Protein backbone atom coordinates (compact mmCIF):
# COMPACT_ATOMS: atom_id res chain seq x y z
CA MET A 1 12.72 57.67 -68.97
CA ARG A 2 11.80 60.30 -66.41
CA LYS A 3 8.16 60.14 -67.49
CA ASN A 4 8.10 56.36 -67.15
CA LEU A 5 9.72 56.54 -63.72
CA MET A 6 7.19 59.08 -62.53
CA THR A 7 4.33 56.98 -63.96
CA TRP A 8 5.59 54.00 -61.95
CA TRP A 9 6.35 55.99 -58.80
CA SER A 10 2.97 57.62 -58.35
CA PRO A 11 0.85 54.46 -57.84
CA ALA A 12 3.68 52.74 -55.99
CA ALA A 13 3.97 55.63 -53.58
CA VAL A 14 0.23 55.63 -52.99
CA LEU A 15 0.27 51.88 -52.35
CA LEU A 16 3.20 52.23 -49.94
CA ILE A 17 1.42 54.99 -48.03
CA LEU A 18 -1.74 52.90 -47.80
CA LEU A 19 0.10 49.82 -46.57
CA CYS A 20 1.93 51.82 -43.95
CA SER A 21 -1.14 53.70 -42.76
CA LEU A 22 -3.59 50.79 -42.48
CA PRO A 23 -2.31 49.40 -39.18
CA ALA A 24 -1.04 52.73 -37.90
CA ILE A 25 -3.09 52.76 -34.70
CA ALA A 26 -2.18 49.18 -33.85
CA ALA A 27 1.52 49.87 -34.41
CA THR A 28 1.68 51.15 -30.83
CA PRO A 29 3.83 48.70 -28.82
CA LYS A 30 2.01 46.49 -26.34
CA GLY A 31 2.03 47.94 -22.87
CA ASP A 32 -0.25 48.83 -19.98
CA TRP A 33 -3.76 50.14 -20.60
CA LEU A 34 -6.46 51.06 -18.12
CA LEU A 35 -9.88 51.03 -19.77
CA LEU A 36 -12.51 53.10 -17.95
CA PRO A 37 -16.01 52.54 -19.39
CA ASP A 38 -19.28 53.17 -17.60
CA ARG A 39 -19.95 49.42 -17.47
CA VAL A 40 -18.13 46.13 -18.05
CA TRP A 41 -19.95 43.04 -19.33
CA THR A 42 -17.58 40.16 -18.67
CA GLY A 43 -19.42 37.25 -20.31
CA ASP A 44 -19.66 35.43 -16.97
CA GLY A 45 -23.20 36.65 -16.28
CA ASP A 46 -26.06 38.51 -17.90
CA VAL A 47 -25.63 41.96 -16.33
CA ALA A 48 -22.96 44.59 -16.93
CA HIS A 49 -21.06 45.89 -13.88
CA ARG A 50 -21.26 49.65 -13.46
CA GLY A 51 -18.10 51.41 -12.33
CA TRP A 52 -15.76 48.57 -13.27
CA ALA A 53 -12.54 48.93 -15.22
CA VAL A 54 -10.12 46.63 -17.05
CA LEU A 55 -6.33 46.66 -16.81
CA VAL A 56 -4.40 45.29 -19.79
CA HIS A 57 -0.73 44.33 -19.68
CA ASP A 58 1.34 43.12 -22.64
CA GLY A 59 -1.58 41.76 -24.63
CA LEU A 60 -3.41 40.07 -21.77
CA ILE A 61 -6.12 41.13 -19.34
CA ALA A 62 -4.29 41.69 -16.05
CA ALA A 63 -7.26 42.59 -13.85
CA VAL A 64 -10.95 43.44 -13.97
CA GLY A 65 -13.14 44.85 -11.22
CA PRO A 66 -14.27 48.08 -9.55
CA ALA A 67 -12.15 50.91 -10.90
CA THR A 68 -11.18 51.98 -7.38
CA SER A 69 -9.68 48.55 -6.70
CA LEU A 70 -7.30 48.42 -9.68
CA ASP A 71 -3.70 49.49 -9.16
CA ALA A 72 -2.35 50.69 -12.50
CA PRO A 73 1.46 50.79 -12.91
CA ALA A 74 3.19 54.07 -13.65
CA GLY A 75 3.03 54.93 -17.32
CA THR A 76 -0.27 53.15 -17.88
CA GLN A 77 -2.27 54.68 -20.71
CA ARG A 78 -5.81 55.49 -19.62
CA VAL A 79 -8.75 55.34 -22.00
CA ALA A 80 -11.98 56.91 -20.78
CA LEU A 81 -15.12 55.47 -22.37
CA PRO A 82 -18.00 57.53 -20.95
CA GLY A 83 -21.46 56.21 -21.70
CA ALA A 84 -20.04 52.94 -23.04
CA THR A 85 -20.12 49.27 -22.09
CA LEU A 86 -16.95 47.23 -22.50
CA THR A 87 -17.49 43.65 -23.69
CA PRO A 88 -15.27 40.81 -24.85
CA GLY A 89 -14.37 41.21 -28.51
CA LEU A 90 -17.25 39.85 -30.55
CA ILE A 91 -17.07 36.66 -32.63
CA ASP A 92 -18.84 35.81 -35.89
CA LEU A 93 -18.76 32.08 -36.59
CA HIS A 94 -19.94 32.19 -40.20
CA SER A 95 -18.32 34.73 -42.48
CA HIS A 96 -17.07 35.00 -46.06
CA LEU A 97 -14.40 37.68 -46.37
CA PHE A 98 -14.05 36.99 -50.10
CA LEU A 99 -17.68 37.84 -50.87
CA HIS A 100 -19.54 41.13 -50.92
CA PRO A 101 -23.30 41.84 -51.12
CA TYR A 102 -25.10 40.19 -54.01
CA ASN A 103 -26.98 43.37 -54.85
CA GLU A 104 -23.58 44.86 -55.72
CA THR A 105 -22.33 41.90 -57.77
CA SER A 106 -24.02 38.53 -58.10
CA TRP A 107 -22.34 35.47 -56.58
CA ASN A 108 -21.74 33.99 -60.03
CA ASP A 109 -20.11 37.18 -61.29
CA GLN A 110 -17.91 37.49 -58.21
CA VAL A 111 -16.58 33.97 -58.72
CA LEU A 112 -16.33 34.15 -62.51
CA THR A 113 -15.23 37.73 -63.23
CA GLU A 114 -13.35 39.08 -60.20
CA PRO A 115 -9.70 37.94 -60.28
CA GLN A 116 -8.43 36.21 -57.16
CA ASP A 117 -5.85 38.97 -56.59
CA TYR A 118 -8.62 41.56 -56.56
CA ARG A 119 -10.81 39.45 -54.29
CA THR A 120 -7.92 39.08 -51.85
CA LEU A 121 -7.54 42.86 -51.68
CA GLU A 122 -11.29 43.10 -51.11
CA ALA A 123 -10.98 40.55 -48.31
CA ALA A 124 -8.33 42.71 -46.63
CA ALA A 125 -10.66 45.71 -46.72
CA HIS A 126 -13.51 43.56 -45.38
CA ALA A 127 -11.31 42.33 -42.55
CA LYS A 128 -10.53 45.89 -41.49
CA ALA A 129 -14.22 46.88 -41.55
CA THR A 130 -15.06 43.84 -39.44
CA LEU A 131 -12.44 44.59 -36.81
CA LEU A 132 -13.47 48.23 -36.51
CA ALA A 133 -17.06 47.06 -35.93
CA GLY A 134 -15.94 45.30 -32.73
CA PHE A 135 -15.68 41.77 -34.13
CA THR A 136 -12.20 40.64 -33.17
CA THR A 137 -12.56 37.00 -34.27
CA LEU A 138 -14.04 35.38 -37.39
CA ARG A 139 -14.50 31.83 -38.53
CA ASP A 140 -14.35 32.20 -42.31
CA LEU A 141 -16.18 29.29 -43.92
CA GLY A 142 -14.88 29.15 -47.46
CA THR A 143 -13.25 31.42 -50.00
CA GLU A 144 -15.96 30.71 -52.60
CA GLY A 145 -13.65 30.15 -55.54
CA ALA A 146 -10.62 32.07 -54.24
CA GLY A 147 -8.61 28.95 -53.44
CA TYR A 148 -6.42 29.11 -50.35
CA ALA A 149 -6.15 32.91 -50.28
CA ASP A 150 -7.75 33.03 -46.82
CA VAL A 151 -4.61 31.43 -45.41
CA SER A 152 -2.56 34.35 -46.77
CA VAL A 153 -4.98 36.95 -45.40
CA LYS A 154 -4.82 35.25 -42.01
CA ARG A 155 -1.01 35.31 -42.12
CA ALA A 156 -0.94 38.97 -43.14
CA ILE A 157 -3.17 39.86 -40.18
CA GLU A 158 -1.11 37.81 -37.74
CA GLN A 159 2.11 39.43 -38.93
CA GLY A 160 0.70 42.95 -38.69
CA LEU A 161 0.73 43.73 -42.42
CA ILE A 162 -2.99 44.52 -42.42
CA PRO A 163 -5.55 45.10 -39.65
CA GLY A 164 -8.19 42.46 -39.14
CA PRO A 165 -9.76 40.02 -36.71
CA ARG A 166 -8.30 36.71 -35.63
CA LEU A 167 -9.17 34.26 -38.39
CA PHE A 168 -10.07 30.60 -38.29
CA VAL A 169 -10.26 29.53 -41.93
CA ALA A 170 -11.79 26.70 -43.93
CA THR A 171 -10.10 27.34 -47.30
CA ARG A 172 -12.05 25.84 -50.23
CA ALA A 173 -14.89 23.85 -48.55
CA ILE A 174 -15.96 20.45 -49.89
CA VAL A 175 -18.97 19.74 -52.12
CA ALA A 176 -20.33 16.80 -54.08
CA THR A 177 -19.38 16.84 -57.75
CA ALA A 178 -21.66 19.00 -59.94
CA SER A 179 -23.74 20.18 -56.98
CA TYR A 180 -22.39 23.69 -56.43
CA GLY A 181 -21.91 26.70 -58.66
CA PRO A 182 -21.09 28.36 -60.84
CA GLY A 183 -23.11 25.92 -62.94
CA PRO A 184 -23.75 23.32 -64.05
CA ARG A 185 -27.28 24.66 -64.52
CA GLY A 186 -27.62 27.78 -66.60
CA PHE A 187 -24.26 27.44 -68.37
CA ARG A 188 -23.19 25.69 -71.56
CA PRO A 189 -22.20 22.09 -70.82
CA ASP A 190 -18.92 22.42 -72.74
CA LEU A 191 -17.64 25.19 -70.45
CA ASP A 192 -15.08 24.27 -67.79
CA LEU A 193 -15.98 26.73 -65.07
CA PRO A 194 -14.20 27.36 -61.75
CA SER A 195 -16.07 26.04 -58.75
CA GLY A 196 -16.97 27.80 -55.54
CA ALA A 197 -15.66 24.81 -53.57
CA GLN A 198 -13.63 21.61 -54.00
CA GLN A 199 -15.69 18.93 -55.72
CA VAL A 200 -15.44 15.28 -54.69
CA SER A 201 -17.07 11.98 -55.58
CA GLY A 202 -16.38 8.88 -53.53
CA VAL A 203 -14.71 8.20 -50.24
CA ASP A 204 -11.15 8.35 -51.53
CA ALA A 205 -11.61 11.78 -53.09
CA ALA A 206 -13.33 13.03 -49.93
CA ILE A 207 -10.46 11.88 -47.74
CA ALA A 208 -7.90 13.41 -50.10
CA ALA A 209 -9.69 16.78 -50.08
CA VAL A 210 -9.66 16.95 -46.28
CA ARG A 211 -5.98 16.13 -46.11
CA GLU A 212 -5.12 18.62 -48.83
CA GLN A 213 -7.08 21.48 -47.26
CA ALA A 214 -5.65 20.80 -43.82
CA ALA A 215 -2.13 20.72 -45.22
CA ARG A 216 -2.74 24.07 -46.92
CA GLY A 217 -3.77 25.66 -43.63
CA ALA A 218 -7.46 24.97 -42.95
CA ASP A 219 -8.35 25.30 -39.27
CA TRP A 220 -11.85 23.92 -39.90
CA ILE A 221 -13.17 21.67 -42.63
CA LYS A 222 -16.44 22.78 -44.18
CA LEU A 223 -18.68 20.43 -46.13
CA TYR A 224 -21.96 20.86 -47.95
CA ALA A 225 -24.37 18.17 -46.79
CA ASP A 226 -27.09 19.40 -49.14
CA TYR A 227 -27.76 21.96 -51.82
CA ARG A 228 -30.31 22.96 -54.44
CA VAL A 229 -29.94 19.85 -56.62
CA GLY A 230 -33.55 18.60 -56.74
CA PRO A 231 -35.46 18.45 -60.05
CA ASP A 232 -37.10 21.81 -59.32
CA GLY A 233 -34.12 23.30 -57.53
CA ASP A 234 -35.24 21.93 -54.19
CA THR A 235 -32.62 21.42 -51.47
CA GLU A 236 -31.63 17.77 -51.24
CA PRO A 237 -28.69 15.85 -49.71
CA THR A 238 -25.62 15.76 -51.95
CA LEU A 239 -22.75 13.88 -50.30
CA ASN A 240 -23.78 10.36 -49.34
CA ALA A 241 -23.44 8.91 -45.85
CA SER A 242 -20.12 7.20 -46.60
CA GLU A 243 -18.60 10.39 -48.02
CA LEU A 244 -19.84 12.45 -45.08
CA GLN A 245 -18.44 9.96 -42.60
CA ALA A 246 -15.10 9.83 -44.39
CA ILE A 247 -14.77 13.63 -44.31
CA VAL A 248 -15.64 13.87 -40.63
CA ASP A 249 -13.47 10.94 -39.53
CA THR A 250 -10.45 12.16 -41.51
CA ALA A 251 -10.82 15.73 -40.25
CA HIS A 252 -11.14 14.63 -36.63
CA GLN A 253 -8.17 12.30 -36.96
CA ILE A 254 -5.95 15.25 -37.83
CA GLY A 255 -7.49 17.61 -35.28
CA ARG A 256 -9.84 19.65 -37.46
CA PRO A 257 -13.46 20.21 -36.45
CA VAL A 258 -16.11 20.12 -39.17
CA ALA A 259 -18.79 22.66 -40.08
CA ALA A 260 -21.67 21.48 -42.26
CA HIS A 261 -23.76 23.61 -44.58
CA ALA A 262 -27.17 21.97 -44.24
CA ALA A 263 -30.51 23.62 -44.94
CA SER A 264 -32.89 20.65 -45.28
CA ASP A 265 -34.07 18.34 -42.52
CA ALA A 266 -32.50 15.34 -44.26
CA GLY A 267 -29.22 17.16 -44.82
CA VAL A 268 -28.99 18.30 -41.21
CA ARG A 269 -29.81 14.83 -39.92
CA MET A 270 -27.18 13.18 -42.14
CA ALA A 271 -24.57 15.72 -41.00
CA VAL A 272 -25.42 15.11 -37.35
CA GLU A 273 -25.27 11.34 -37.77
CA ALA A 274 -21.82 11.71 -39.37
CA GLY A 275 -20.61 13.59 -36.29
CA VAL A 276 -20.02 17.14 -37.52
CA ASP A 277 -19.21 19.82 -34.96
CA SER A 278 -21.50 22.60 -36.16
CA VAL A 279 -24.48 22.95 -38.46
CA GLU A 280 -24.85 26.11 -40.55
CA HIS A 281 -28.30 27.43 -41.57
CA GLY A 282 -30.58 24.49 -40.64
CA TYR A 283 -33.65 26.31 -41.90
CA GLY A 284 -35.68 23.18 -42.68
CA ALA A 285 -34.66 21.13 -39.65
CA SER A 286 -37.45 19.56 -37.61
CA ALA A 287 -37.79 19.56 -33.84
CA ALA A 288 -36.74 15.91 -33.81
CA THR A 289 -33.55 16.74 -35.70
CA PHE A 290 -32.76 19.67 -33.42
CA ARG A 291 -33.14 17.28 -30.49
CA LEU A 292 -30.38 15.22 -32.09
CA LEU A 293 -28.14 18.30 -32.23
CA LYS A 294 -28.70 18.88 -28.54
CA GLN A 295 -28.17 15.21 -27.70
CA HIS A 296 -24.83 15.16 -29.54
CA GLY A 297 -23.70 18.62 -28.38
CA ILE A 298 -23.53 19.98 -31.91
CA ALA A 299 -23.61 23.76 -32.30
CA TYR A 300 -26.01 25.61 -34.58
CA GLU A 301 -25.35 28.86 -36.46
CA PRO A 302 -28.68 30.19 -37.78
CA THR A 303 -27.44 32.83 -40.32
CA LEU A 304 -30.72 34.72 -40.06
CA THR A 305 -29.31 37.89 -41.60
CA ALA A 306 -28.37 36.10 -44.82
CA VAL A 307 -31.99 35.06 -45.32
CA GLU A 308 -33.27 38.57 -44.67
CA SER A 309 -30.66 40.05 -47.01
CA THR A 310 -31.37 37.72 -49.93
CA ALA A 311 -35.10 38.33 -49.42
CA GLY A 312 -34.36 41.98 -49.97
CA TYR A 313 -32.20 41.37 -53.04
CA PHE A 314 -34.40 38.82 -54.82
CA GLU A 315 -37.90 38.97 -53.28
CA HIS A 316 -38.35 42.73 -52.80
CA TYR A 317 -38.53 42.43 -49.01
CA VAL A 318 -38.27 45.78 -47.20
CA PRO A 319 -37.73 45.65 -43.39
CA GLY A 320 -40.60 47.26 -41.53
CA LYS A 321 -42.71 47.56 -44.68
CA SER A 322 -43.02 44.04 -46.10
CA ALA A 323 -44.33 40.83 -44.62
CA PRO A 324 -41.57 38.26 -43.98
CA THR A 325 -41.00 35.91 -46.91
CA GLU A 326 -41.59 32.17 -46.62
CA ARG A 327 -37.85 31.55 -46.32
CA MET A 328 -37.63 34.10 -43.51
CA ARG A 329 -40.53 32.45 -41.69
CA GLU A 330 -38.87 29.05 -42.13
CA ALA A 331 -35.61 30.38 -40.67
CA GLU A 332 -37.48 31.94 -37.75
CA ARG A 333 -39.31 28.69 -37.01
CA ALA A 334 -36.02 26.77 -36.98
CA PHE A 335 -34.36 29.30 -34.71
CA ARG A 336 -37.22 29.42 -32.23
CA THR A 337 -37.34 25.61 -32.17
CA ALA A 338 -33.62 25.31 -31.49
CA LEU A 339 -33.80 27.99 -28.80
CA LYS A 340 -36.73 26.32 -27.06
CA LEU A 341 -34.97 22.93 -27.07
CA GLY A 342 -31.76 24.32 -25.61
CA VAL A 343 -29.51 23.71 -28.62
CA THR A 344 -26.15 25.49 -28.40
CA ILE A 345 -26.58 28.50 -30.68
CA GLY A 346 -23.55 30.47 -31.80
CA ASN A 347 -23.51 33.82 -33.55
CA GLY A 348 -22.98 33.09 -37.23
CA SER A 349 -24.29 35.57 -39.78
CA ASP A 350 -23.03 34.55 -43.27
CA VAL A 351 -21.66 38.08 -43.64
CA GLY A 352 -20.43 38.67 -47.14
CA VAL A 353 -23.95 38.02 -48.33
CA PHE A 354 -24.46 41.42 -46.68
CA ARG A 355 -21.99 44.22 -45.91
CA HIS A 356 -18.91 43.51 -43.83
CA GLY A 357 -18.95 45.62 -40.69
CA ASP A 358 -22.71 45.12 -40.31
CA ASN A 359 -22.15 41.87 -38.38
CA TRP A 360 -24.19 43.35 -35.50
CA ARG A 361 -27.31 42.52 -37.51
CA GLU A 362 -27.17 38.83 -36.58
CA PRO A 363 -27.33 39.30 -32.78
CA ALA A 364 -30.11 41.83 -33.39
CA ALA A 365 -32.02 39.27 -35.49
CA MET A 366 -31.61 36.62 -32.80
CA VAL A 367 -33.12 39.00 -30.26
CA ALA A 368 -35.98 39.80 -32.64
CA TYR A 369 -36.66 36.05 -32.86
CA GLY A 370 -36.73 35.32 -29.16
CA MET A 371 -33.32 35.59 -27.48
CA THR A 372 -32.72 38.09 -24.72
CA PRO A 373 -30.02 40.67 -25.46
CA ALA A 374 -27.75 38.94 -22.93
CA GLN A 375 -28.27 35.57 -24.64
CA ALA A 376 -27.33 37.07 -27.98
CA LEU A 377 -24.22 38.63 -26.44
CA HIS A 378 -23.23 35.24 -25.03
CA ALA A 379 -23.75 33.69 -28.47
CA ALA A 380 -21.25 36.20 -29.88
CA THR A 381 -18.68 35.88 -27.07
CA ASP A 382 -18.20 33.02 -24.61
CA VAL A 383 -20.51 30.56 -26.41
CA ALA A 384 -18.81 31.29 -29.73
CA ALA A 385 -15.39 30.91 -28.13
CA LYS A 386 -16.39 27.50 -26.79
CA ILE A 387 -17.53 26.41 -30.26
CA LEU A 388 -14.14 27.50 -31.60
CA ARG A 389 -12.33 25.58 -28.82
CA GLN A 390 -10.87 28.91 -27.67
CA SER A 391 -12.50 29.32 -24.25
CA ARG A 392 -9.14 29.54 -22.49
CA HIS A 393 -8.21 32.64 -24.48
CA LEU A 394 -11.28 34.39 -25.89
CA GLY A 395 -14.88 35.23 -25.17
CA ARG A 396 -14.74 36.59 -21.62
CA ILE A 397 -13.18 39.44 -19.68
CA ALA A 398 -11.12 37.78 -16.98
CA ALA A 399 -7.52 37.91 -15.77
CA GLY A 400 -5.23 35.93 -18.04
CA MET A 401 -7.47 36.06 -21.11
CA ASP A 402 -6.29 37.62 -24.37
CA ALA A 403 -7.07 41.32 -24.42
CA ASP A 404 -9.64 41.24 -27.25
CA LEU A 405 -12.16 43.88 -26.19
CA ALA A 406 -14.81 46.17 -27.64
CA ALA A 407 -16.89 49.00 -26.23
CA PHE A 408 -20.24 50.22 -27.46
CA THR A 409 -22.31 53.29 -26.68
CA GLY A 410 -25.11 52.19 -24.35
CA ASP A 411 -25.58 48.72 -22.84
CA PRO A 412 -25.95 45.87 -25.36
CA ALA A 413 -26.83 43.46 -22.54
CA ARG A 414 -30.08 45.42 -22.25
CA GLN A 415 -30.49 46.82 -25.76
CA ILE A 416 -28.74 44.76 -28.44
CA ASP A 417 -28.86 47.57 -31.01
CA ALA A 418 -26.07 49.23 -29.02
CA LEU A 419 -23.74 46.96 -31.00
CA ARG A 420 -24.27 49.30 -33.93
CA HIS A 421 -22.14 51.96 -32.21
CA PRO A 422 -18.59 50.79 -31.39
CA VAL A 423 -16.33 53.38 -29.81
CA PHE A 424 -13.34 51.25 -28.84
CA VAL A 425 -11.76 48.08 -30.24
CA MET A 426 -8.68 46.30 -28.92
CA LYS A 427 -7.21 43.04 -30.21
CA ASN A 428 -4.32 41.26 -28.53
CA GLY A 429 -3.71 44.30 -26.33
CA LEU A 430 -3.47 46.80 -29.20
CA PRO A 431 -6.14 49.46 -29.81
CA TYR A 432 -7.52 49.77 -33.33
CA LEU A 433 -10.42 52.09 -32.59
CA THR A 434 -10.51 54.70 -29.84
CA PRO A 435 -12.91 57.56 -29.05
CA GLU A 436 -10.44 59.88 -30.76
CA THR A 437 -10.48 57.86 -33.99
CA THR A 438 -14.18 56.93 -34.03
CA PRO A 439 -15.74 58.42 -37.21
């Protein structure tokens, strides 16, 4: 009996210690903080202000301006951030917390062989890595076969059980029947495999899926307007116009915006005509189709890092040593076209295809493909907040905004690679990373 008790106690004790230690830094009660970086980039302009400071009170930004002008109450905790630039907490609009890099485990094997309980624990670890990288908000666009577990991860973060960014979740996503994996190609036809998204055929099923996902806790509805269903695996539209329209109309009726996976010109155009709120990927979209996005005010998340990452996994691409692959060149052409036409571009990376915590790679890729560092910062802060309908709370450093803040060594408004080096992260007025805890 004693041996059995000790066998049980050892892992339970370890688990209890881990659960208690994860949010230890953020367990500090909300209070007054005076943040003293070298520079503050507020999101209201393109240049960081040298010598400014930020005062935080009870989870909100109380004041921002020259450090000499701020009157901090007695008992205020001061955080010096020498050599650093303070920015709004960064936002990634296209993430998958329930995935990890495909060179570790293929997408099929993650969906088919990793139990949902295990994937949920992975998602919690990914959420922590994301937050400590300075990304305080994520839009997670589908659990990829893990059901509605993103709703539980979001709840655990909100209730302080685990550290992580603010989450806006899409639960299962919606696909046309037999158009999305695992299968049907490459597997025995008599196998009943789990799907990476909720399959629908017909308007009634499409409407029902939207209502079900919203009722389960989806903040956004994600649909797949196209996928690799052509005879040779080419990307072609999947949902028809009536199904697309039914999904969008039903989602909007109950207050949910819609994100559309669309990689082909036809798929992007159909999604735009149905009235979606954001287009993800858009690699094959023409200039004429991007003009439609601009005309309708639809946001575009280019997910450039996902293309580069898969090129490395499957096409032997090596940054700095290999020529860009055709898919990379296609993605670059789309991005440069959208940028030239003035389409609203948000920072969306498709992280999960690559390592969580390396979200900085997407702003860096956008700069490599033509954005200025300040434009890329806007895409990851105030522009992203606007796409999320959260401009009143997130994306800028201004009095009354939520105190979601990050600081990086150097000045990312001038050199975007500074985002690789976070030294301070605060979410909702609580610090999760400080100079003392930076690895």
